[in-house]
Amino acid sequence: MTEPAPIRVLIADDHPLFRDGLSALLQQQPSIAVVGAAADGAEAVELFQSLQPDVALVDLRMPPDDGIAVVKALRAASPGARVIVLSAFDADDDVLRAIQAGAAGYLLKMALPTELADAIGAVHRGQTALPPRVASKLANHVGRPRLTGRQGEVLQLIARGMTNQEIGDQLHIVEGTVKAHVKSILEKLGARDRTQALCIALERGLVKAG
């Protein structure tokens, strides 16, 4: 009986050590063949188009474009592209954005090589690959109110320690409007005050620490 052809995989990650290490680990799997490795989003799209891999592994945090932009570009160039996002983070918003962009899987970089190999196989078969911890975060978003663009801006400025007056000056809106936005943000996040709202926002990946 003829052995099935190995799954052809493209890796896209801006860290050479991780990229090379992941490639070496996957090459040990007889069912997988790493056919290319990209260091940024533009190279990932170029290699995907020329190599036509079965599955692409894309790092979430990959400058100059993040992994979400890369997923969108790959799906735009090749609607049938099967992509798994890899990340050191499992913030709710990151998971949701990846799936909305068209990723078929989302795995943490701490995953075991066998878990990654299983996920690659599942995505190659047309299935999704979401570990229980990630799937539960995605499920938490069902029916959850989304912040508007302006509310997201206000929340980011709150994270920078700005007062309502300072936020109003920054966004060129009156302080009363800022207060209305803050009230809506607290309601949507289910927070009792600004401090709790920031904690929730950080956990969900709505704002970045630092």
N, C-alpha and C. Protein backbone atom coordinates (compact mmCIF):
# COMPACT_ATOMS: atom_id res chain seq x y z
N MET A 1 0.85 -1.20 0.00
CA MET A 1 0.00 0.00 0.00
C MET A 1 0.88 1.25 0.00
N THR A 2 0.56 2.21 -0.86
CA THR A 2 1.37 3.42 -0.99
C THR A 2 1.16 4.34 0.23
N GLU A 3 2.27 4.81 0.77
CA GLU A 3 2.18 5.73 1.90
C GLU A 3 1.65 7.07 1.42
N PRO A 4 0.77 7.73 2.20
CA PRO A 4 0.27 9.05 1.80
C PRO A 4 1.39 10.07 1.76
N ALA A 5 1.28 11.02 0.86
CA ALA A 5 2.29 12.07 0.75
C ALA A 5 2.31 12.89 2.03
N PRO A 6 3.50 13.33 2.48
CA PRO A 6 3.55 14.14 3.70
C PRO A 6 2.84 15.48 3.51
N ILE A 7 2.36 16.01 4.61
CA ILE A 7 1.69 17.31 4.58
C ILE A 7 2.76 18.39 4.43
N ARG A 8 2.62 19.22 3.42
CA ARG A 8 3.62 20.25 3.13
C ARG A 8 3.30 21.49 3.95
N VAL A 9 4.25 21.92 4.77
CA VAL A 9 4.03 23.00 5.74
C VAL A 9 4.96 24.18 5.49
N LEU A 10 4.41 25.38 5.60
CA LEU A 10 5.18 26.62 5.55
C LEU A 10 5.16 27.25 6.93
N ILE A 11 6.32 27.68 7.43
CA ILE A 11 6.43 28.32 8.74
C ILE A 11 6.72 29.81 8.54
N ALA A 12 6.00 30.67 9.25
CA ALA A 12 6.24 32.11 9.20
C ALA A 12 6.40 32.64 10.62
N ASP A 13 7.62 33.03 10.96
CA ASP A 13 7.93 33.53 12.30
C ASP A 13 9.18 34.41 12.20
N ASP A 14 9.17 35.55 12.89
CA ASP A 14 10.30 36.48 12.76
C ASP A 14 11.48 36.13 13.66
N HIS A 15 11.33 35.14 14.53
CA HIS A 15 12.44 34.75 15.42
C HIS A 15 13.17 33.54 14.82
N PRO A 16 14.40 33.73 14.35
CA PRO A 16 15.13 32.64 13.69
C PRO A 16 15.27 31.39 14.55
N LEU A 17 15.53 31.57 15.84
CA LEU A 17 15.73 30.42 16.72
C LEU A 17 14.46 29.59 16.81
N PHE A 18 13.33 30.24 17.02
CA PHE A 18 12.07 29.51 17.10
C PHE A 18 11.73 28.89 15.74
N ARG A 19 11.90 29.66 14.69
CA ARG A 19 11.57 29.20 13.35
C ARG A 19 12.38 27.94 12.98
N ASP A 20 13.67 27.99 13.23
CA ASP A 20 14.53 26.84 12.90
C ASP A 20 14.25 25.66 13.81
N GLY A 21 14.00 25.95 15.10
CA GLY A 21 13.71 24.87 16.03
C GLY A 21 12.41 24.16 15.70
N LEU A 22 11.39 24.95 15.34
CA LEU A 22 10.10 24.37 14.97
C LEU A 22 10.23 23.53 13.71
N SER A 23 11.00 24.04 12.76
CA SER A 23 11.21 23.31 11.52
C SER A 23 11.88 21.96 11.79
N ALA A 24 12.89 21.98 12.67
CA ALA A 24 13.60 20.74 13.00
C ALA A 24 12.67 19.74 13.68
N LEU A 25 11.83 20.24 14.59
CA LEU A 25 10.90 19.35 15.30
C LEU A 25 9.89 18.72 14.34
N LEU A 26 9.36 19.54 13.45
CA LEU A 26 8.34 19.03 12.52
C LEU A 26 8.94 18.05 11.51
N GLN A 27 10.20 18.28 11.16
CA GLN A 27 10.83 17.38 10.19
C GLN A 27 11.00 15.97 10.76
N GLN A 28 10.91 15.87 12.07
CA GLN A 28 11.01 14.55 12.70
C GLN A 28 9.71 13.76 12.57
N GLN A 29 8.65 14.45 12.17
CA GLN A 29 7.36 13.79 11.98
C GLN A 29 7.29 13.24 10.56
N PRO A 30 7.17 11.94 10.38
CA PRO A 30 7.17 11.37 9.03
C PRO A 30 6.01 11.84 8.15
N SER A 31 4.93 12.32 8.79
CA SER A 31 3.77 12.75 8.01
C SER A 31 3.84 14.21 7.59
N ILE A 32 4.94 14.91 7.96
CA ILE A 32 5.04 16.34 7.69
C ILE A 32 6.35 16.66 6.97
N ALA A 33 6.28 17.56 6.00
CA ALA A 33 7.47 18.05 5.31
C ALA A 33 7.45 19.57 5.32
N VAL A 34 8.43 20.19 5.96
CA VAL A 34 8.53 21.66 5.97
C VAL A 34 9.12 22.09 4.63
N VAL A 35 8.36 22.84 3.85
CA VAL A 35 8.80 23.21 2.51
C VAL A 35 9.32 24.63 2.42
N GLY A 36 9.12 25.43 3.48
CA GLY A 36 9.61 26.80 3.44
C GLY A 36 9.48 27.47 4.79
N ALA A 37 10.25 28.56 4.96
CA ALA A 37 10.21 29.32 6.21
C ALA A 37 10.34 30.80 5.87
N ALA A 38 9.44 31.60 6.42
CA ALA A 38 9.43 33.04 6.14
C ALA A 38 9.70 33.82 7.42
N ALA A 39 10.37 34.97 7.28
CA ALA A 39 10.73 35.78 8.43
C ALA A 39 9.79 36.96 8.63
N ASP A 40 8.90 37.22 7.66
CA ASP A 40 7.94 38.31 7.81
C ASP A 40 6.71 38.03 6.95
N GLY A 41 5.72 38.91 7.07
CA GLY A 41 4.47 38.68 6.38
C GLY A 41 4.57 38.67 4.88
N ALA A 42 5.32 39.63 4.33
CA ALA A 42 5.45 39.72 2.87
C ALA A 42 6.10 38.45 2.31
N GLU A 43 7.13 37.97 2.99
CA GLU A 43 7.80 36.76 2.54
C GLU A 43 6.88 35.55 2.67
N ALA A 44 6.05 35.55 3.72
CA ALA A 44 5.11 34.44 3.92
C ALA A 44 4.12 34.35 2.76
N VAL A 45 3.57 35.49 2.35
CA VAL A 45 2.62 35.50 1.24
C VAL A 45 3.30 35.07 -0.05
N GLU A 46 4.52 35.58 -0.28
CA GLU A 46 5.27 35.24 -1.50
C GLU A 46 5.57 33.74 -1.56
N LEU A 47 6.05 33.19 -0.44
CA LEU A 47 6.39 31.77 -0.42
C LEU A 47 5.13 30.91 -0.53
N PHE A 48 4.05 31.35 0.09
CA PHE A 48 2.82 30.57 0.00
C PHE A 48 2.36 30.47 -1.45
N GLN A 49 2.42 31.57 -2.17
CA GLN A 49 1.97 31.57 -3.55
C GLN A 49 2.87 30.71 -4.44
N SER A 50 4.18 30.73 -4.15
CA SER A 50 5.11 29.96 -5.00
C SER A 50 5.18 28.49 -4.62
N LEU A 51 5.06 28.18 -3.33
CA LEU A 51 5.21 26.80 -2.87
C LEU A 51 3.89 26.05 -2.75
N GLN A 52 2.79 26.80 -2.55
CA GLN A 52 1.47 26.20 -2.39
C GLN A 52 1.48 25.08 -1.33
N PRO A 53 1.87 25.42 -0.09
CA PRO A 53 1.87 24.40 0.97
C PRO A 53 0.45 23.99 1.34
N ASP A 54 0.36 22.86 2.02
CA ASP A 54 -0.95 22.39 2.48
C ASP A 54 -1.43 23.18 3.69
N VAL A 55 -0.49 23.54 4.57
CA VAL A 55 -0.81 24.26 5.81
C VAL A 55 0.27 25.30 6.08
N ALA A 56 -0.13 26.48 6.53
CA ALA A 56 0.83 27.51 6.93
C ALA A 56 0.72 27.74 8.43
N LEU A 57 1.87 27.82 9.10
CA LEU A 57 1.93 28.15 10.52
C LEU A 57 2.40 29.60 10.62
N VAL A 58 1.58 30.47 11.20
CA VAL A 58 1.86 31.90 11.22
C VAL A 58 1.93 32.43 12.65
N ASP A 59 3.02 33.10 12.96
CA ASP A 59 3.20 33.70 14.29
C ASP A 59 2.26 34.89 14.44
N LEU A 60 1.61 35.00 15.59
CA LEU A 60 0.68 36.09 15.84
C LEU A 60 1.39 37.44 15.92
N ARG A 61 2.54 37.48 16.59
CA ARG A 61 3.29 38.73 16.77
C ARG A 61 4.47 38.73 15.81
N MET A 62 4.23 39.23 14.59
CA MET A 62 5.28 39.19 13.58
C MET A 62 5.33 40.54 12.85
N PRO A 63 6.24 41.43 13.26
CA PRO A 63 6.33 42.73 12.61
C PRO A 63 6.86 42.59 11.17
N PRO A 64 6.61 43.55 10.29
CA PRO A 64 5.87 44.79 10.57
C PRO A 64 4.36 44.59 10.65
N ASP A 65 3.82 43.54 9.99
CA ASP A 65 2.40 43.23 10.10
C ASP A 65 2.22 42.13 11.13
N ASP A 66 1.12 42.19 11.88
CA ASP A 66 0.89 41.09 12.82
C ASP A 66 0.36 39.88 12.06
N GLY A 67 0.29 38.75 12.75
CA GLY A 67 -0.12 37.51 12.11
C GLY A 67 -1.52 37.57 11.55
N ILE A 68 -2.39 38.39 12.15
CA ILE A 68 -3.77 38.50 11.67
C ILE A 68 -3.78 39.07 10.25
N ALA A 69 -2.94 40.10 10.04
CA ALA A 69 -2.84 40.69 8.70
C ALA A 69 -2.30 39.68 7.70
N VAL A 70 -1.37 38.84 8.14
CA VAL A 70 -0.81 37.82 7.27
C VAL A 70 -1.87 36.78 6.90
N VAL A 71 -2.66 36.36 7.89
CA VAL A 71 -3.74 35.40 7.63
C VAL A 71 -4.70 35.97 6.58
N LYS A 72 -5.08 37.23 6.76
CA LYS A 72 -6.00 37.87 5.82
C LYS A 72 -5.40 37.92 4.42
N ALA A 73 -4.09 38.25 4.34
CA ALA A 73 -3.42 38.34 3.04
C ALA A 73 -3.35 36.98 2.36
N LEU A 74 -3.06 35.95 3.14
CA LEU A 74 -2.98 34.60 2.59
C LEU A 74 -4.34 34.15 2.08
N ARG A 75 -5.37 34.42 2.86
CA ARG A 75 -6.72 34.02 2.47
C ARG A 75 -7.22 34.81 1.26
N ALA A 76 -6.77 36.07 1.16
CA ALA A 76 -7.16 36.89 0.01
C ALA A 76 -6.49 36.38 -1.26
N ALA A 77 -5.21 36.02 -1.12
CA ALA A 77 -4.45 35.52 -2.28
C ALA A 77 -4.87 34.11 -2.66
N SER A 78 -5.24 33.32 -1.65
CA SER A 78 -5.63 31.93 -1.90
C SER A 78 -6.75 31.58 -0.93
N PRO A 79 -8.01 31.75 -1.36
CA PRO A 79 -9.17 31.53 -0.46
C PRO A 79 -9.18 30.17 0.22
N GLY A 80 -8.52 29.19 -0.36
CA GLY A 80 -8.50 27.86 0.24
C GLY A 80 -7.34 27.65 1.20
N ALA A 81 -6.57 28.71 1.46
CA ALA A 81 -5.41 28.59 2.34
C ALA A 81 -5.81 28.09 3.73
N ARG A 82 -5.06 27.12 4.23
CA ARG A 82 -5.31 26.59 5.57
C ARG A 82 -4.20 27.06 6.48
N VAL A 83 -4.59 27.84 7.49
CA VAL A 83 -3.61 28.54 8.33
C VAL A 83 -3.85 28.23 9.80
N ILE A 84 -2.76 28.00 10.51
CA ILE A 84 -2.79 27.86 11.97
C ILE A 84 -1.98 29.01 12.56
N VAL A 85 -2.58 29.76 13.46
CA VAL A 85 -1.88 30.85 14.13
C VAL A 85 -1.18 30.30 15.37
N LEU A 86 0.08 30.66 15.54
CA LEU A 86 0.85 30.27 16.72
C LEU A 86 1.11 31.51 17.57
N SER A 87 0.94 31.39 18.87
CA SER A 87 1.13 32.54 19.74
C SER A 87 1.57 32.11 21.13
N ALA A 88 2.28 33.01 21.79
CA ALA A 88 2.63 32.79 23.19
C ALA A 88 1.49 33.25 24.09
N PHE A 89 0.47 33.85 23.48
CA PHE A 89 -0.65 34.42 24.25
C PHE A 89 -1.96 33.77 23.85
N ASP A 90 -2.91 33.72 24.78
CA ASP A 90 -4.24 33.21 24.46
C ASP A 90 -5.31 34.21 24.86
N ALA A 91 -5.00 35.51 24.70
CA ALA A 91 -5.98 36.55 25.01
C ALA A 91 -7.22 36.35 24.15
N ASP A 92 -8.38 36.54 24.77
CA ASP A 92 -9.65 36.29 24.09
C ASP A 92 -9.73 36.98 22.74
N ASP A 93 -9.35 38.28 22.71
CA ASP A 93 -9.51 39.04 21.49
C ASP A 93 -8.59 38.55 20.39
N ASP A 94 -7.39 38.09 20.75
CA ASP A 94 -6.46 37.54 19.76
C ASP A 94 -7.05 36.30 19.10
N VAL A 95 -7.61 35.42 19.91
CA VAL A 95 -8.21 34.20 19.39
C VAL A 95 -9.35 34.54 18.44
N LEU A 96 -10.21 35.45 18.85
CA LEU A 96 -11.37 35.82 18.04
C LEU A 96 -10.92 36.44 16.72
N ARG A 97 -9.95 37.35 16.77
CA ARG A 97 -9.48 38.01 15.54
C ARG A 97 -8.87 37.01 14.58
N ALA A 98 -8.13 36.04 15.11
CA ALA A 98 -7.51 35.03 14.25
C ALA A 98 -8.55 34.21 13.52
N ILE A 99 -9.57 33.76 14.24
CA ILE A 99 -10.62 32.95 13.62
C ILE A 99 -11.43 33.78 12.62
N GLN A 100 -11.73 35.02 13.00
CA GLN A 100 -12.48 35.89 12.09
C GLN A 100 -11.69 36.18 10.82
N ALA A 101 -10.36 36.21 10.92
CA ALA A 101 -9.52 36.47 9.75
C ALA A 101 -9.46 35.28 8.81
N GLY A 102 -9.87 34.11 9.31
CA GLY A 102 -9.88 32.93 8.47
C GLY A 102 -8.96 31.82 8.89
N ALA A 103 -8.31 31.96 10.05
CA ALA A 103 -7.43 30.89 10.54
C ALA A 103 -8.27 29.66 10.89
N ALA A 104 -7.72 28.49 10.59
CA ALA A 104 -8.42 27.24 10.90
C ALA A 104 -7.97 26.67 12.24
N GLY A 105 -6.95 27.28 12.84
CA GLY A 105 -6.46 26.80 14.12
C GLY A 105 -5.71 27.88 14.86
N TYR A 106 -5.61 27.72 16.18
CA TYR A 106 -4.89 28.67 17.03
C TYR A 106 -4.23 27.86 18.13
N LEU A 107 -2.91 27.81 18.14
CA LEU A 107 -2.18 27.02 19.12
C LEU A 107 -1.18 27.89 19.88
N LEU A 108 -0.98 27.55 21.13
CA LEU A 108 0.03 28.23 21.93
C LEU A 108 1.40 27.64 21.62
N LYS A 109 2.42 28.48 21.70
CA LYS A 109 3.77 28.03 21.37
C LYS A 109 4.30 27.02 22.39
N MET A 110 3.63 26.91 23.53
CA MET A 110 4.04 25.93 24.53
C MET A 110 3.48 24.54 24.22
N ALA A 111 2.73 24.41 23.14
CA ALA A 111 2.14 23.11 22.79
C ALA A 111 3.22 22.07 22.52
N LEU A 112 2.91 20.83 22.82
CA LEU A 112 3.84 19.74 22.55
C LEU A 112 3.94 19.50 21.05
N PRO A 113 5.09 19.01 20.57
CA PRO A 113 5.24 18.73 19.13
C PRO A 113 4.14 17.81 18.60
N THR A 114 3.74 16.84 19.40
CA THR A 114 2.69 15.92 18.95
C THR A 114 1.35 16.65 18.80
N GLU A 115 1.08 17.62 19.71
CA GLU A 115 -0.15 18.40 19.61
C GLU A 115 -0.16 19.22 18.33
N LEU A 116 0.99 19.80 18.01
CA LEU A 116 1.10 20.61 16.80
C LEU A 116 0.93 19.73 15.56
N ALA A 117 1.56 18.56 15.58
CA ALA A 117 1.43 17.63 14.45
C ALA A 117 -0.02 17.21 14.26
N ASP A 118 -0.70 16.92 15.37
CA ASP A 118 -2.12 16.54 15.29
C ASP A 118 -2.96 17.68 14.72
N ALA A 119 -2.64 18.92 15.15
CA ALA A 119 -3.39 20.09 14.66
C ALA A 119 -3.16 20.28 13.17
N ILE A 120 -1.93 20.11 12.73
CA ILE A 120 -1.62 20.24 11.30
C ILE A 120 -2.42 19.20 10.50
N GLY A 121 -2.45 17.98 11.01
CA GLY A 121 -3.21 16.93 10.34
C GLY A 121 -4.69 17.25 10.28
N ALA A 122 -5.24 17.76 11.37
CA ALA A 122 -6.67 18.09 11.42
C ALA A 122 -7.01 19.21 10.43
N VAL A 123 -6.20 20.25 10.42
CA VAL A 123 -6.45 21.38 9.51
C VAL A 123 -6.29 20.94 8.06
N HIS A 124 -5.32 20.07 7.81
CA HIS A 124 -5.13 19.55 6.45
C HIS A 124 -6.37 18.77 5.99
N ARG A 125 -7.07 18.14 6.91
CA ARG A 125 -8.28 17.39 6.58
C ARG A 125 -9.51 18.28 6.50
N GLY A 126 -9.32 19.57 6.69
CA GLY A 126 -10.45 20.49 6.60
C GLY A 126 -11.13 20.76 7.92
N GLN A 127 -10.53 20.32 9.03
CA GLN A 127 -11.11 20.53 10.35
C GLN A 127 -10.47 21.76 11.01
N THR A 128 -10.99 22.12 12.16
CA THR A 128 -10.39 23.20 12.93
C THR A 128 -9.54 22.60 14.04
N ALA A 129 -8.59 23.39 14.52
CA ALA A 129 -7.70 22.93 15.58
C ALA A 129 -7.63 23.99 16.68
N LEU A 130 -8.41 23.78 17.72
CA LEU A 130 -8.45 24.70 18.85
C LEU A 130 -8.36 23.90 20.14
N PRO A 131 -7.28 24.02 20.91
CA PRO A 131 -7.20 23.34 22.19
C PRO A 131 -8.36 23.77 23.08
N PRO A 132 -8.78 22.92 24.03
CA PRO A 132 -9.92 23.25 24.89
C PRO A 132 -9.82 24.63 25.54
N ARG A 133 -8.62 24.99 26.02
CA ARG A 133 -8.45 26.28 26.68
C ARG A 133 -8.74 27.43 25.72
N VAL A 134 -8.29 27.30 24.47
CA VAL A 134 -8.52 28.33 23.47
C VAL A 134 -9.97 28.33 23.01
N ALA A 135 -10.54 27.14 22.83
CA ALA A 135 -11.93 27.03 22.39
C ALA A 135 -12.88 27.66 23.41
N SER A 136 -12.57 27.50 24.70
CA SER A 136 -13.44 28.08 25.72
C SER A 136 -13.40 29.59 25.68
N LYS A 137 -12.23 30.15 25.37
CA LYS A 137 -12.12 31.60 25.26
C LYS A 137 -12.94 32.11 24.07
N LEU A 138 -12.91 31.35 22.99
CA LEU A 138 -13.69 31.73 21.82
C LEU A 138 -15.18 31.67 22.14
N ALA A 139 -15.57 30.62 22.86
CA ALA A 139 -16.99 30.46 23.22
C ALA A 139 -17.45 31.61 24.12
N ASN A 140 -16.54 32.13 24.94
CA ASN A 140 -16.90 33.22 25.84
C ASN A 140 -17.33 34.47 25.09
N HIS A 141 -16.90 34.57 23.82
CA HIS A 141 -17.22 35.76 23.04
C HIS A 141 -18.62 35.71 22.44
N VAL A 142 -19.23 34.55 22.41
CA VAL A 142 -20.55 34.43 21.79
C VAL A 142 -21.55 35.28 22.59
N GLY A 143 -22.16 36.21 21.93
CA GLY A 143 -23.15 37.06 22.58
C GLY A 143 -22.56 38.18 23.42
N ARG A 144 -21.24 38.29 23.45
CA ARG A 144 -20.62 39.35 24.25
C ARG A 144 -20.65 40.67 23.48
N PRO A 145 -21.11 41.77 24.10
CA PRO A 145 -21.14 43.06 23.41
C PRO A 145 -19.73 43.49 23.00
N ARG A 146 -19.61 44.04 21.81
CA ARG A 146 -18.32 44.48 21.31
C ARG A 146 -18.16 45.98 21.50
N LEU A 147 -16.95 46.42 21.82
CA LEU A 147 -16.68 47.85 21.93
C LEU A 147 -16.64 48.47 20.55
N THR A 148 -17.13 49.71 20.46
CA THR A 148 -17.02 50.45 19.20
C THR A 148 -15.58 50.92 19.04
N GLY A 149 -15.26 51.42 17.85
CA GLY A 149 -13.92 51.93 17.61
C GLY A 149 -13.55 53.04 18.56
N ARG A 150 -14.50 53.97 18.78
CA ARG A 150 -14.23 55.10 19.69
C ARG A 150 -14.07 54.62 21.12
N GLN A 151 -14.88 53.64 21.53
CA GLN A 151 -14.75 53.10 22.89
C GLN A 151 -13.40 52.42 23.06
N GLY A 152 -12.93 51.77 22.01
CA GLY A 152 -11.60 51.16 22.07
C GLY A 152 -10.51 52.20 22.25
N GLU A 153 -10.66 53.34 21.58
CA GLU A 153 -9.69 54.43 21.71
C GLU A 153 -9.69 54.98 23.13
N VAL A 154 -10.89 55.17 23.67
CA VAL A 154 -11.00 55.69 25.04
C VAL A 154 -10.37 54.70 26.02
N LEU A 155 -10.64 53.43 25.84
CA LEU A 155 -10.09 52.41 26.73
C LEU A 155 -8.56 52.41 26.68
N GLN A 156 -7.99 52.56 25.48
CA GLN A 156 -6.54 52.58 25.35
C GLN A 156 -5.94 53.78 26.08
N LEU A 157 -6.63 54.91 26.04
CA LEU A 157 -6.14 56.10 26.73
C LEU A 157 -6.31 55.98 28.23
N ILE A 158 -7.37 55.29 28.67
CA ILE A 158 -7.52 55.01 30.09
C ILE A 158 -6.33 54.17 30.56
N ALA A 159 -5.92 53.22 29.72
CA ALA A 159 -4.79 52.36 30.07
C ALA A 159 -3.50 53.15 30.19
N ARG A 160 -3.45 54.30 29.54
CA ARG A 160 -2.27 55.17 29.63
C ARG A 160 -2.35 56.10 30.83
N GLY A 161 -3.41 55.95 31.64
CA GLY A 161 -3.52 56.73 32.86
C GLY A 161 -4.13 58.11 32.70
N MET A 162 -4.77 58.36 31.57
CA MET A 162 -5.34 59.68 31.32
C MET A 162 -6.66 59.87 32.06
N THR A 163 -6.92 61.12 32.45
CA THR A 163 -8.21 61.48 33.04
C THR A 163 -9.23 61.69 31.92
N ASN A 164 -10.50 61.82 32.31
CA ASN A 164 -11.53 62.06 31.31
C ASN A 164 -11.26 63.35 30.53
N GLN A 165 -10.82 64.38 31.24
CA GLN A 165 -10.53 65.66 30.58
C GLN A 165 -9.38 65.49 29.58
N GLU A 166 -8.34 64.77 29.98
CA GLU A 166 -7.19 64.55 29.08
C GLU A 166 -7.58 63.71 27.87
N ILE A 167 -8.45 62.74 28.10
CA ILE A 167 -8.92 61.91 26.98
C ILE A 167 -9.73 62.77 26.01
N GLY A 168 -10.59 63.63 26.56
CA GLY A 168 -11.38 64.53 25.72
C GLY A 168 -10.49 65.43 24.87
N ASP A 169 -9.45 65.98 25.50
CA ASP A 169 -8.52 66.84 24.76
C ASP A 169 -7.81 66.06 23.66
N GLN A 170 -7.42 64.83 23.97
CA GLN A 170 -6.70 64.00 23.00
C GLN A 170 -7.58 63.65 21.80
N LEU A 171 -8.86 63.34 22.07
CA LEU A 171 -9.77 62.89 21.01
C LEU A 171 -10.64 64.02 20.45
N HIS A 172 -10.45 65.23 21.02
CA HIS A 172 -11.20 66.40 20.57
C HIS A 172 -12.71 66.21 20.75
N ILE A 173 -13.07 65.71 21.92
CA ILE A 173 -14.48 65.57 22.29
C ILE A 173 -14.65 66.14 23.69
N VAL A 174 -15.88 66.49 24.07
CA VAL A 174 -16.11 67.11 25.37
C VAL A 174 -16.05 66.04 26.47
N GLU A 175 -15.78 66.49 27.69
CA GLU A 175 -15.61 65.55 28.80
C GLU A 175 -16.87 64.74 29.04
N GLY A 176 -18.05 65.35 28.82
CA GLY A 176 -19.29 64.61 29.02
C GLY A 176 -19.41 63.42 28.08
N THR A 177 -18.93 63.57 26.87
CA THR A 177 -18.95 62.47 25.91
C THR A 177 -18.01 61.36 26.35
N VAL A 178 -16.87 61.76 26.90
CA VAL A 178 -15.92 60.77 27.41
C VAL A 178 -16.57 59.96 28.53
N LYS A 179 -17.24 60.66 29.44
CA LYS A 179 -17.90 59.98 30.56
C LYS A 179 -18.93 58.98 30.04
N ALA A 180 -19.66 59.35 28.98
CA ALA A 180 -20.66 58.44 28.40
C ALA A 180 -19.99 57.21 27.82
N HIS A 181 -18.84 57.41 27.17
CA HIS A 181 -18.10 56.28 26.61
C HIS A 181 -17.60 55.36 27.72
N VAL A 182 -17.08 55.97 28.78
CA VAL A 182 -16.57 55.17 29.91
C VAL A 182 -17.69 54.34 30.52
N LYS A 183 -18.87 54.96 30.69
CA LYS A 183 -20.01 54.24 31.24
C LYS A 183 -20.37 53.04 30.36
N SER A 184 -20.38 53.24 29.04
CA SER A 184 -20.70 52.14 28.11
C SER A 184 -19.65 51.05 28.17
N ILE A 185 -18.38 51.45 28.29
CA ILE A 185 -17.28 50.48 28.37
C ILE A 185 -17.44 49.61 29.61
N LEU A 186 -17.74 50.23 30.75
CA LEU A 186 -17.91 49.48 31.99
C LEU A 186 -19.07 48.50 31.86
N GLU A 187 -20.15 48.93 31.25
CA GLU A 187 -21.32 48.06 31.09
C GLU A 187 -21.01 46.88 30.18
N LYS A 188 -20.32 47.14 29.07
CA LYS A 188 -20.02 46.07 28.11
C LYS A 188 -19.01 45.07 28.67
N LEU A 189 -18.09 45.56 29.47
CA LEU A 189 -17.08 44.67 30.05
C LEU A 189 -17.56 44.03 31.35
N GLY A 190 -18.69 44.50 31.87
CA GLY A 190 -19.18 43.98 33.14
C GLY A 190 -18.29 44.37 34.30
N ALA A 191 -17.73 45.58 34.22
CA ALA A 191 -16.79 46.06 35.25
C ALA A 191 -17.46 47.09 36.14
N ARG A 192 -17.03 47.12 37.39
CA ARG A 192 -17.63 48.06 38.35
C ARG A 192 -16.92 49.42 38.32
N ASP A 193 -15.66 49.44 37.87
CA ASP A 193 -14.91 50.70 37.82
C ASP A 193 -13.82 50.61 36.75
N ARG A 194 -13.08 51.69 36.58
CA ARG A 194 -12.04 51.76 35.54
C ARG A 194 -10.94 50.73 35.77
N THR A 195 -10.58 50.54 37.03
CA THR A 195 -9.50 49.59 37.34
C THR A 195 -9.87 48.17 36.93
N GLN A 196 -11.08 47.76 37.29
CA GLN A 196 -11.53 46.42 36.91
C GLN A 196 -11.67 46.32 35.39
N ALA A 197 -12.13 47.39 34.76
CA ALA A 197 -12.26 47.39 33.31
C ALA A 197 -10.91 47.16 32.64
N LEU A 198 -9.86 47.78 33.18
CA LEU A 198 -8.52 47.60 32.62
C LEU A 198 -8.04 46.17 32.80
N CYS A 199 -8.31 45.58 33.96
CA CYS A 199 -7.90 44.19 34.20
C CYS A 199 -8.58 43.26 33.21
N ILE A 200 -9.88 43.48 32.99
CA ILE A 200 -10.63 42.65 32.04
C ILE A 200 -10.11 42.87 30.62
N ALA A 201 -9.85 44.12 30.27
CA ALA A 201 -9.37 44.46 28.92
C ALA A 201 -8.02 43.82 28.66
N LEU A 202 -7.14 43.83 29.65
CA LEU A 202 -5.82 43.21 29.49
C LEU A 202 -5.95 41.71 29.30
N GLU A 203 -6.84 41.09 30.07
CA GLU A 203 -7.04 39.65 29.97
C GLU A 203 -7.58 39.26 28.60
N ARG A 204 -8.44 40.10 28.05
CA ARG A 204 -9.05 39.79 26.74
C ARG A 204 -8.20 40.28 25.57
N GLY A 205 -7.11 40.97 25.86
CA GLY A 205 -6.27 41.46 24.77
C GLY A 205 -6.81 42.71 24.10
N LEU A 206 -7.73 43.42 24.77
CA LEU A 206 -8.31 44.63 24.18
C LEU A 206 -7.34 45.80 24.27
N VAL A 207 -6.46 45.79 25.26
CA VAL A 207 -5.38 46.77 25.36
C VAL A 207 -4.10 46.00 25.65
N LYS A 208 -2.98 46.64 25.34
CA LYS A 208 -1.69 46.00 25.56
C LYS A 208 -1.01 46.60 26.78
N ALA A 209 -0.39 45.74 27.57
CA ALA A 209 0.31 46.20 28.77
C ALA A 209 1.54 46.98 28.36
N GLY A 210 1.88 47.97 29.17
CA GLY A 210 3.11 48.72 28.95
C GLY A 210 2.92 49.92 28.04
